[in-house]
Amino acid sequence: MIISGFSTSPEEFSYRKGELLLEFSKAIRESNCEVALFPETAITGFYPDREELYFERGSADSPFMKFSQLAKQTETTVVAGIAEARRGSLFNSALVFELDGTCSTTYDKRHPFDLAGEGAVITPGVQDPVFRVGSLIFSLRICFDLRFPEDFHHRNERPDAVIVLANWPSSRRDHWETLLKARAIEGELNIIGINRSGTDDSGQNFDGSGLAFNPLGIQYENLSSGKEGEFIWDVTPRNEFKTVGRTGVSK
């Protein structure tokens, strides 16, 4: 299955807005992907204490509405990170938008990044949804969740791939790459990570990387033409790989 990832700079959205969405729409169509991915808090950025950046779903010109429209315009499943205000609480969420623009799946970040004060603001998630697109079953995680390996051993329906949306600083890039690969090997599944780009208001830099690993820990080739911030992977169902389980028997 063709999956595309698009690294975003939220600060760039603040002055380019609609122009960037048109570019993403064109890029999604050109990639012929079935799923398009955008990072954690893709439009607003990771600023936990700025409550004005958390939007209700029905708010005019909200990130929710933008990504809903993008999915509908491109007739592609879109997965995007959004800071949400919901039922009087604040959430760091990953949302799945279907081809008609409806939101079918919500995942709320389980592990707040307390070093940035996120734990004092957002409500941690408890759900572990899976969703299917074509031949693949997916689940979702967000940034700091990557440091909790137990969350990648799914007890219910086992996904083919886990999507990780992130705002992961360049200063810890080695951790980002190593942990993505480790979760793929430990969980015996595909891991796909998409990170934001640019520099945030605190001066922290982000590398805009996209990385995908198969259940053997081998990195998928980026099939993109080389356009900066765009990644294209051809991902294979997990049951097509032979991995070694706890008994030492290939399965």
C-alpha atoms as a PDB file:
ATOM      1  CA  MET A   1       0.000   0.000   0.000  1.00  0.00           C
ATOM      2  CA  ILE A   2       1.264   3.480  -0.847  1.00  0.00           C
ATOM      3  CA  ILE A   3       1.411   5.753   2.217  1.00  0.00           C
ATOM      4  CA  SER A   4       2.614   9.354   2.087  1.00  0.00           C
ATOM      5  CA  GLY A   5       3.913  11.494   4.931  1.00  0.00           C
ATOM      6  CA  PHE A   6       4.090  15.281   4.880  1.00  0.00           C
ATOM      7  CA  SER A   7       6.244  17.140   7.361  1.00  0.00           C
ATOM      8  CA  THR A   8       4.798  20.512   8.340  1.00  0.00           C
ATOM      9  CA  SER A   9       6.075  23.656  10.023  1.00  0.00           C
ATOM     10  CA  PRO A  10       3.126  24.981  12.062  1.00  0.00           C
ATOM     11  CA  GLU A  11       4.682  28.431  12.153  1.00  0.00           C
ATOM     12  CA  GLU A  12       4.731  28.464   8.351  1.00  0.00           C
ATOM     13  CA  PHE A  13       1.001  27.768   8.358  1.00  0.00           C
ATOM     14  CA  SER A  14       0.447  30.990  10.270  1.00  0.00           C
ATOM     15  CA  TYR A  15       1.379  33.084   7.243  1.00  0.00           C
ATOM     16  CA  ARG A  16       0.781  30.753   4.282  1.00  0.00           C
ATOM     17  CA  LYS A  17      -2.457  29.043   5.418  1.00  0.00           C
ATOM     18  CA  GLY A  18      -4.577  28.112   2.413  1.00  0.00           C
ATOM     19  CA  GLU A  19      -1.626  28.188   0.053  1.00  0.00           C
ATOM     20  CA  LEU A  20       0.054  25.303   1.904  1.00  0.00           C
ATOM     21  CA  LEU A  21      -3.115  23.215   1.949  1.00  0.00           C
ATOM     22  CA  LEU A  22      -3.379  23.576  -1.823  1.00  0.00           C
ATOM     23  CA  GLU A  23       0.201  22.347  -2.135  1.00  0.00           C
ATOM     24  CA  PHE A  24      -0.531  19.340   0.067  1.00  0.00           C
ATOM     25  CA  SER A  25      -3.661  18.568  -1.932  1.00  0.00           C
ATOM     26  CA  LYS A  26      -1.634  18.510  -5.136  1.00  0.00           C
ATOM     27  CA  ALA A  27       1.140  16.413  -3.566  1.00  0.00           C
ATOM     28  CA  ILE A  28      -1.332  13.840  -2.226  1.00  0.00           C
ATOM     29  CA  ARG A  29      -2.878  13.401  -5.651  1.00  0.00           C
ATOM     30  CA  GLU A  30       0.512  13.105  -7.341  1.00  0.00           C
ATOM     31  CA  SER A  31       1.707  10.455  -4.886  1.00  0.00           C
ATOM     32  CA  ASN A  32      -1.310   8.214  -5.609  1.00  0.00           C
ATOM     33  CA  CYS A  33      -1.347   7.283  -1.931  1.00  0.00           C
ATOM     34  CA  GLU A  34      -4.197   5.665  -0.041  1.00  0.00           C
ATOM     35  CA  VAL A  35      -3.201   7.258   3.283  1.00  0.00           C
ATOM     36  CA  ALA A  36      -1.665  10.716   3.898  1.00  0.00           C
ATOM     37  CA  LEU A  37       0.009  11.497   7.240  1.00  0.00           C
ATOM     38  CA  PHE A  38       0.655  14.805   9.015  1.00  0.00           C
ATOM     39  CA  PRO A  39       2.598  15.320  12.309  1.00  0.00           C
ATOM     40  CA  GLU A  40       1.501  15.928  15.885  1.00  0.00           C
ATOM     41  CA  THR A  41      -0.334  19.276  16.248  1.00  0.00           C
ATOM     42  CA  ALA A  42       0.439  19.753  12.563  1.00  0.00           C
ATOM     43  CA  ILE A  43      -1.030  23.219  12.118  1.00  0.00           C
ATOM     44  CA  THR A  44      -0.840  24.823  15.579  1.00  0.00           C
ATOM     45  CA  GLY A  45       2.452  23.429  16.901  1.00  0.00           C
ATOM     46  CA  PHE A  46       3.257  21.909  20.294  1.00  0.00           C
ATOM     47  CA  TYR A  47       2.527  24.698  22.777  1.00  0.00           C
ATOM     48  CA  PRO A  48       0.668  22.907  25.633  1.00  0.00           C
ATOM     49  CA  ASP A  49      -0.063  25.979  27.766  1.00  0.00           C
ATOM     50  CA  ARG A  50      -1.520  28.094  24.930  1.00  0.00           C
ATOM     51  CA  GLU A  51      -5.183  27.207  25.312  1.00  0.00           C
ATOM     52  CA  GLU A  52      -6.150  29.419  22.368  1.00  0.00           C
ATOM     53  CA  LEU A  53      -4.567  26.785  20.083  1.00  0.00           C
ATOM     54  CA  TYR A  54      -7.024  24.048  21.153  1.00  0.00           C
ATOM     55  CA  PHE A  55     -10.045  24.073  18.848  1.00  0.00           C
ATOM     56  CA  GLU A  56     -13.535  22.605  19.000  1.00  0.00           C
ATOM     57  CA  ARG A  57     -14.247  20.360  16.034  1.00  0.00           C
ATOM     58  CA  GLY A  58     -17.016  22.526  14.633  1.00  0.00           C
ATOM     59  CA  SER A  59     -15.092  25.800  14.910  1.00  0.00           C
ATOM     60  CA  ALA A  60     -14.868  27.714  11.660  1.00  0.00           C
ATOM     61  CA  ASP A  61     -11.406  27.554  10.063  1.00  0.00           C
ATOM     62  CA  SER A  62     -10.215  25.038  12.680  1.00  0.00           C
ATOM     63  CA  PRO A  63      -7.516  22.430  11.958  1.00  0.00           C
ATOM     64  CA  PHE A  64     -10.259  19.802  12.164  1.00  0.00           C
ATOM     65  CA  MET A  65     -12.194  21.434   9.339  1.00  0.00           C
ATOM     66  CA  LYS A  66      -9.052  21.963   7.235  1.00  0.00           C
ATOM     67  CA  PHE A  67      -8.035  18.313   7.328  1.00  0.00           C
ATOM     68  CA  SER A  68     -11.608  17.162   6.814  1.00  0.00           C
ATOM     69  CA  GLN A  69     -11.775  19.247   3.657  1.00  0.00           C
ATOM     70  CA  LEU A  70      -8.365  17.980   2.516  1.00  0.00           C
ATOM     71  CA  ALA A  71      -9.496  14.357   2.804  1.00  0.00           C
ATOM     72  CA  LYS A  72     -12.687  15.086   0.898  1.00  0.00           C
ATOM     73  CA  GLN A  73     -10.944  17.077  -1.853  1.00  0.00           C
ATOM     74  CA  THR A  74      -8.307  14.405  -2.456  1.00  0.00           C
ATOM     75  CA  GLU A  75     -10.552  11.383  -1.760  1.00  0.00           C
ATOM     76  CA  THR A  76      -7.754  10.043   0.450  1.00  0.00           C
ATOM     77  CA  THR A  77      -7.668   8.866   4.063  1.00  0.00           C
ATOM     78  CA  VAL A  78      -5.900  11.607   6.050  1.00  0.00           C
ATOM     79  CA  VAL A  79      -4.307  11.109   9.484  1.00  0.00           C
ATOM     80  CA  ALA A  80      -3.379  14.330  11.287  1.00  0.00           C
ATOM     81  CA  GLY A  81      -2.353  15.564  14.719  1.00  0.00           C
ATOM     82  CA  ILE A  82      -4.667  18.205  16.207  1.00  0.00           C
ATOM     83  CA  ALA A  83      -4.868  20.010  19.567  1.00  0.00           C
ATOM     84  CA  GLU A  84      -8.513  19.639  20.568  1.00  0.00           C
ATOM     85  CA  ALA A  85     -10.963  21.122  23.050  1.00  0.00           C
ATOM     86  CA  ARG A  86     -13.605  18.482  23.706  1.00  0.00           C
ATOM     87  CA  ARG A  87     -16.266  18.152  26.416  1.00  0.00           C
ATOM     88  CA  GLY A  88     -14.588  20.818  28.528  1.00  0.00           C
ATOM     89  CA  SER A  89     -11.162  19.131  28.409  1.00  0.00           C
ATOM     90  CA  LEU A  90      -8.063  19.546  26.258  1.00  0.00           C
ATOM     91  CA  PHE A  91      -6.512  16.714  24.240  1.00  0.00           C
ATOM     92  CA  ASN A  92      -3.496  16.107  22.021  1.00  0.00           C
ATOM     93  CA  SER A  93      -5.152  13.960  19.363  1.00  0.00           C
ATOM     94  CA  ALA A  94      -4.528  11.988  16.190  1.00  0.00           C
ATOM     95  CA  LEU A  95      -7.603  11.928  13.954  1.00  0.00           C
ATOM     96  CA  VAL A  96      -8.460   9.811  10.933  1.00  0.00           C
ATOM     97  CA  PHE A  97     -10.522  11.458   8.195  1.00  0.00           C
ATOM     98  CA  GLU A  98     -12.279   9.259   5.653  1.00  0.00           C
ATOM     99  CA  LEU A  99     -12.624   9.959   1.932  1.00  0.00           C
ATOM    100  CA  ASP A 100     -15.872  11.879   2.490  1.00  0.00           C
ATOM    101  CA  GLY A 101     -14.262  14.095   5.156  1.00  0.00           C
ATOM    102  CA  THR A 102     -15.853  12.443   8.175  1.00  0.00           C
ATOM    103  CA  CYS A 103     -13.718  11.702  11.236  1.00  0.00           C
ATOM    104  CA  SER A 104     -13.890   7.957  11.875  1.00  0.00           C
ATOM    105  CA  THR A 105     -11.179   7.437  14.500  1.00  0.00           C
ATOM    106  CA  THR A 106      -9.818   9.436  17.428  1.00  0.00           C
ATOM    107  CA  TYR A 107      -6.696   8.619  19.413  1.00  0.00           C
ATOM    108  CA  ASP A 108      -5.691  10.836  22.355  1.00  0.00           C
ATOM    109  CA  LYS A 109      -2.044  10.915  23.436  1.00  0.00           C
ATOM    110  CA  ARG A 110      -1.578   8.544  26.363  1.00  0.00           C
ATOM    111  CA  HIS A 111       1.652   9.879  27.827  1.00  0.00           C
ATOM    112  CA  PRO A 112       1.913  13.677  28.214  1.00  0.00           C
ATOM    113  CA  PHE A 113       5.378  15.192  27.886  1.00  0.00           C
ATOM    114  CA  ASP A 114       5.678  16.590  31.399  1.00  0.00           C
ATOM    115  CA  LEU A 115       9.038  18.279  30.780  1.00  0.00           C
ATOM    116  CA  ALA A 116       7.101  20.749  28.590  1.00  0.00           C
ATOM    117  CA  GLY A 117       4.222  21.005  31.084  1.00  0.00           C
ATOM    118  CA  GLU A 118       1.836  19.030  28.891  1.00  0.00           C
ATOM    119  CA  GLY A 119       0.651  16.854  31.764  1.00  0.00           C
ATOM    120  CA  ALA A 120      -0.773  19.875  33.574  1.00  0.00           C
ATOM    121  CA  VAL A 121      -2.945  20.744  30.568  1.00  0.00           C
ATOM    122  CA  ILE A 122      -4.080  17.794  28.467  1.00  0.00           C
ATOM    123  CA  THR A 123      -6.233  14.834  29.454  1.00  0.00           C
ATOM    124  CA  PRO A 124      -4.397  11.554  28.722  1.00  0.00           C
ATOM    125  CA  GLY A 125      -6.130   9.134  26.408  1.00  0.00           C
ATOM    126  CA  VAL A 126      -7.245   5.618  27.312  1.00  0.00           C
ATOM    127  CA  GLN A 127      -8.521   4.321  23.974  1.00  0.00           C
ATOM    128  CA  ASP A 128      -6.574   2.115  21.585  1.00  0.00           C
ATOM    129  CA  PRO A 129      -8.487   2.217  18.303  1.00  0.00           C
ATOM    130  CA  VAL A 130      -7.555   0.439  15.108  1.00  0.00           C
ATOM    131  CA  PHE A 131      -8.785   1.333  11.647  1.00  0.00           C
ATOM    132  CA  ARG A 132      -8.563  -0.350   8.289  1.00  0.00           C
ATOM    133  CA  VAL A 133      -7.669   1.091   4.905  1.00  0.00           C
ATOM    134  CA  GLY A 134      -7.660  -1.410   2.065  1.00  0.00           C
ATOM    135  CA  SER A 135      -5.568  -4.431   3.038  1.00  0.00           C
ATOM    136  CA  LEU A 136      -3.913  -2.876   6.117  1.00  0.00           C
ATOM    137  CA  ILE A 137      -4.992  -2.424   9.750  1.00  0.00           C
ATOM    138  CA  PHE A 138      -3.482   0.608  11.520  1.00  0.00           C
ATOM    139  CA  SER A 139      -3.197   1.961  15.038  1.00  0.00           C
ATOM    140  CA  LEU A 140      -1.961   5.345  16.271  1.00  0.00           C
ATOM    141  CA  ARG A 141       0.541   6.793  18.744  1.00  0.00           C
ATOM    142  CA  ILE A 142       1.824  10.327  19.394  1.00  0.00           C
ATOM    143  CA  CYS A 143       5.414  11.433  20.030  1.00  0.00           C
ATOM    144  CA  PHE A 144       6.305  10.699  23.707  1.00  0.00           C
ATOM    145  CA  ASP A 145       4.184   7.527  23.543  1.00  0.00           C
ATOM    146  CA  LEU A 146       7.096   6.077  21.569  1.00  0.00           C
ATOM    147  CA  ARG A 147       9.107   5.719  24.803  1.00  0.00           C
ATOM    148  CA  PHE A 148       6.604   3.200  26.252  1.00  0.00           C
ATOM    149  CA  PRO A 149       7.195  -0.176  24.572  1.00  0.00           C
ATOM    150  CA  GLU A 150       4.305  -1.911  26.303  1.00  0.00           C
ATOM    151  CA  ASP A 151       1.905   0.256  24.312  1.00  0.00           C
ATOM    152  CA  PHE A 152       3.116  -1.360  21.095  1.00  0.00           C
ATOM    153  CA  HIS A 153       2.134  -4.897  22.138  1.00  0.00           C
ATOM    154  CA  HIS A 154      -1.518  -4.825  21.142  1.00  0.00           C
ATOM    155  CA  ARG A 155      -3.725  -7.107  23.196  1.00  0.00           C
ATOM    156  CA  ASN A 156      -6.802  -6.925  21.003  1.00  0.00           C
ATOM    157  CA  GLU A 157      -6.770  -6.719  17.212  1.00  0.00           C
ATOM    158  CA  ARG A 158      -3.173  -6.637  16.065  1.00  0.00           C
ATOM    159  CA  PRO A 159      -2.393  -3.951  13.473  1.00  0.00           C
ATOM    160  CA  ASP A 160      -0.188  -4.245  10.426  1.00  0.00           C
ATOM    161  CA  ALA A 161       1.281  -0.811  11.106  1.00  0.00           C
ATOM    162  CA  VAL A 162       1.489   1.759  13.901  1.00  0.00           C
ATOM    163  CA  ILE A 163       1.578   5.405  12.840  1.00  0.00           C
ATOM    164  CA  VAL A 164       3.552   7.731  15.148  1.00  0.00           C
ATOM    165  CA  LEU A 165       2.922  11.478  14.755  1.00  0.00           C
ATOM    166  CA  ALA A 166       5.560  13.656  16.405  1.00  0.00           C
ATOM    167  CA  ASN A 167       7.104  16.988  17.319  1.00  0.00           C
ATOM    168  CA  TRP A 168      10.509  15.420  18.054  1.00  0.00           C
ATOM    169  CA  PRO A 169      13.457  17.857  18.445  1.00  0.00           C
ATOM    170  CA  SER A 170      16.500  17.474  16.203  1.00  0.00           C
ATOM    171  CA  SER A 171      18.717  17.325  19.301  1.00  0.00           C
ATOM    172  CA  ARG A 172      17.215  13.881  20.047  1.00  0.00           C
ATOM    173  CA  ARG A 173      17.030  12.598  16.482  1.00  0.00           C
ATOM    174  CA  ASP A 174      19.041   9.470  17.330  1.00  0.00           C
ATOM    175  CA  HIS A 175      16.421   8.550  19.936  1.00  0.00           C
ATOM    176  CA  TRP A 176      13.610   9.069  17.412  1.00  0.00           C
ATOM    177  CA  GLU A 177      15.152   6.780  14.809  1.00  0.00           C
ATOM    178  CA  THR A 178      16.327   4.141  17.306  1.00  0.00           C
ATOM    179  CA  LEU A 179      12.996   3.922  19.121  1.00  0.00           C
ATOM    180  CA  LEU A 180      10.968   3.665  15.918  1.00  0.00           C
ATOM    181  CA  LYS A 181      13.133   0.768  14.757  1.00  0.00           C
ATOM    182  CA  ALA A 182      13.004  -0.896  18.183  1.00  0.00           C
ATOM    183  CA  ARG A 183       9.198  -0.742  18.345  1.00  0.00           C
ATOM    184  CA  ALA A 184       8.964  -2.335  14.899  1.00  0.00           C
ATOM    185  CA  ILE A 185      11.183  -5.246  15.957  1.00  0.00           C
ATOM    186  CA  GLU A 186       9.618  -5.705  19.421  1.00  0.00           C
ATOM    187  CA  GLY A 187       6.043  -5.483  18.216  1.00  0.00           C
ATOM    188  CA  GLU A 188       6.706  -7.439  14.998  1.00  0.00           C
ATOM    189  CA  LEU A 189       4.863  -4.852  12.945  1.00  0.00           C
ATOM    190  CA  ASN A 190       5.428  -1.916  10.620  1.00  0.00           C
ATOM    191  CA  ILE A 191       6.183   1.445  12.253  1.00  0.00           C
ATOM    192  CA  ILE A 192       5.732   4.716  10.380  1.00  0.00           C
ATOM    193  CA  GLY A 193       6.871   7.994  11.950  1.00  0.00           C
ATOM    194  CA  ILE A 194       6.323  11.517  10.633  1.00  0.00           C
ATOM    195  CA  ASN A 195       7.928  14.489  12.386  1.00  0.00           C
ATOM    196  CA  ARG A 196       7.385  18.229  12.086  1.00  0.00           C
ATOM    197  CA  SER A 197       9.904  20.596  10.490  1.00  0.00           C
ATOM    198  CA  GLY A 198      11.147  24.121  11.122  1.00  0.00           C
ATOM    199  CA  THR A 199      11.833  26.041  14.325  1.00  0.00           C
ATOM    200  CA  ASP A 200       9.285  26.677  17.066  1.00  0.00           C
ATOM    201  CA  ASP A 201       8.797  29.866  19.083  1.00  0.00           C
ATOM    202  CA  SER A 202      11.270  28.701  21.723  1.00  0.00           C
ATOM    203  CA  GLY A 203      14.026  28.289  19.131  1.00  0.00           C
ATOM    204  CA  GLN A 204      13.887  24.496  19.108  1.00  0.00           C
ATOM    205  CA  ASN A 205      14.654  22.868  15.750  1.00  0.00           C
ATOM    206  CA  PHE A 206      12.896  19.916  14.123  1.00  0.00           C
ATOM    207  CA  ASP A 207      14.272  17.837  11.272  1.00  0.00           C
ATOM    208  CA  GLY A 208      11.051  17.115   9.373  1.00  0.00           C
ATOM    209  CA  SER A 209      11.956  13.459   9.062  1.00  0.00           C
ATOM    210  CA  GLY A 210       9.771  10.606   7.923  1.00  0.00           C
ATOM    211  CA  LEU A 211      10.871   7.062   8.753  1.00  0.00           C
ATOM    212  CA  ALA A 212       9.228   3.694   8.178  1.00  0.00           C
ATOM    213  CA  PHE A 213      10.463   0.278   9.344  1.00  0.00           C
ATOM    214  CA  ASN A 214       9.143  -3.191   8.587  1.00  0.00           C
ATOM    215  CA  PRO A 215       8.694  -5.930  11.272  1.00  0.00           C
ATOM    216  CA  LEU A 216      12.303  -7.044  10.719  1.00  0.00           C
ATOM    217  CA  GLY A 217      13.585  -3.550  11.522  1.00  0.00           C
ATOM    218  CA  ILE A 218      14.548  -2.847   7.926  1.00  0.00           C
ATOM    219  CA  GLN A 219      13.877   0.710   6.768  1.00  0.00           C
ATOM    220  CA  TYR A 220      11.453   1.224   3.910  1.00  0.00           C
ATOM    221  CA  GLU A 221      12.806   3.213   0.995  1.00  0.00           C
ATOM    222  CA  ASN A 222      11.415   6.706   0.539  1.00  0.00           C
ATOM    223  CA  LEU A 223       9.939   6.632  -2.971  1.00  0.00           C
ATOM    224  CA  SER A 224       9.412  10.392  -3.137  1.00  0.00           C
ATOM    225  CA  SER A 225      11.049  12.291  -5.969  1.00  0.00           C
ATOM    226  CA  GLY A 226      13.156  14.085  -3.406  1.00  0.00           C
ATOM    227  CA  LYS A 227      10.852  16.964  -2.563  1.00  0.00           C
ATOM    228  CA  GLU A 228      11.759  18.218   0.909  1.00  0.00           C
ATOM    229  CA  GLY A 229       9.305  17.185   3.619  1.00  0.00           C
ATOM    230  CA  GLU A 230       7.502  14.599   1.485  1.00  0.00           C
ATOM    231  CA  PHE A 231       7.814  10.845   2.014  1.00  0.00           C
ATOM    232  CA  ILE A 232       6.281   7.963   0.111  1.00  0.00           C
ATOM    233  CA  TRP A 233       6.437   4.346   1.275  1.00  0.00           C
ATOM    234  CA  ASP A 234       5.089   1.111  -0.142  1.00  0.00           C
ATOM    235  CA  VAL A 235       4.108  -0.764   3.043  1.00  0.00           C
ATOM    236  CA  THR A 236       3.564  -4.533   3.195  1.00  0.00           C
ATOM    237  CA  PRO A 237       1.099  -6.360   5.530  1.00  0.00           C
ATOM    238  CA  ARG A 238       2.841  -7.696   8.647  1.00  0.00           C
ATOM    239  CA  ASN A 239       1.859 -11.327   8.013  1.00  0.00           C
ATOM    240  CA  GLU A 240       4.021 -11.356   4.900  1.00  0.00           C
ATOM    241  CA  PHE A 241       7.168 -11.190   7.038  1.00  0.00           C
ATOM    242  CA  LYS A 242       8.755 -14.119   8.836  1.00  0.00           C
ATOM    243  CA  THR A 243       9.765 -13.035  12.312  1.00  0.00           C
ATOM    244  CA  VAL A 244      11.104 -14.978  15.286  1.00  0.00           C
ATOM    245  CA  GLY A 245       8.875 -15.245  18.326  1.00  0.00           C
ATOM    246  CA  ARG A 246       9.649 -16.039  21.957  1.00  0.00           C
ATOM    247  CA  THR A 247       9.866 -19.776  21.234  1.00  0.00           C
ATOM    248  CA  GLY A 248      12.530 -19.178  18.604  1.00  0.00           C
ATOM    249  CA  VAL A 249      10.253 -20.541  15.901  1.00  0.00           C
ATOM    250  CA  SER A 250       9.723 -18.483  12.743  1.00  0.00           C
ATOM    251  CA  LYS A 251       6.176 -17.292  12.254  1.00  0.00           C
END
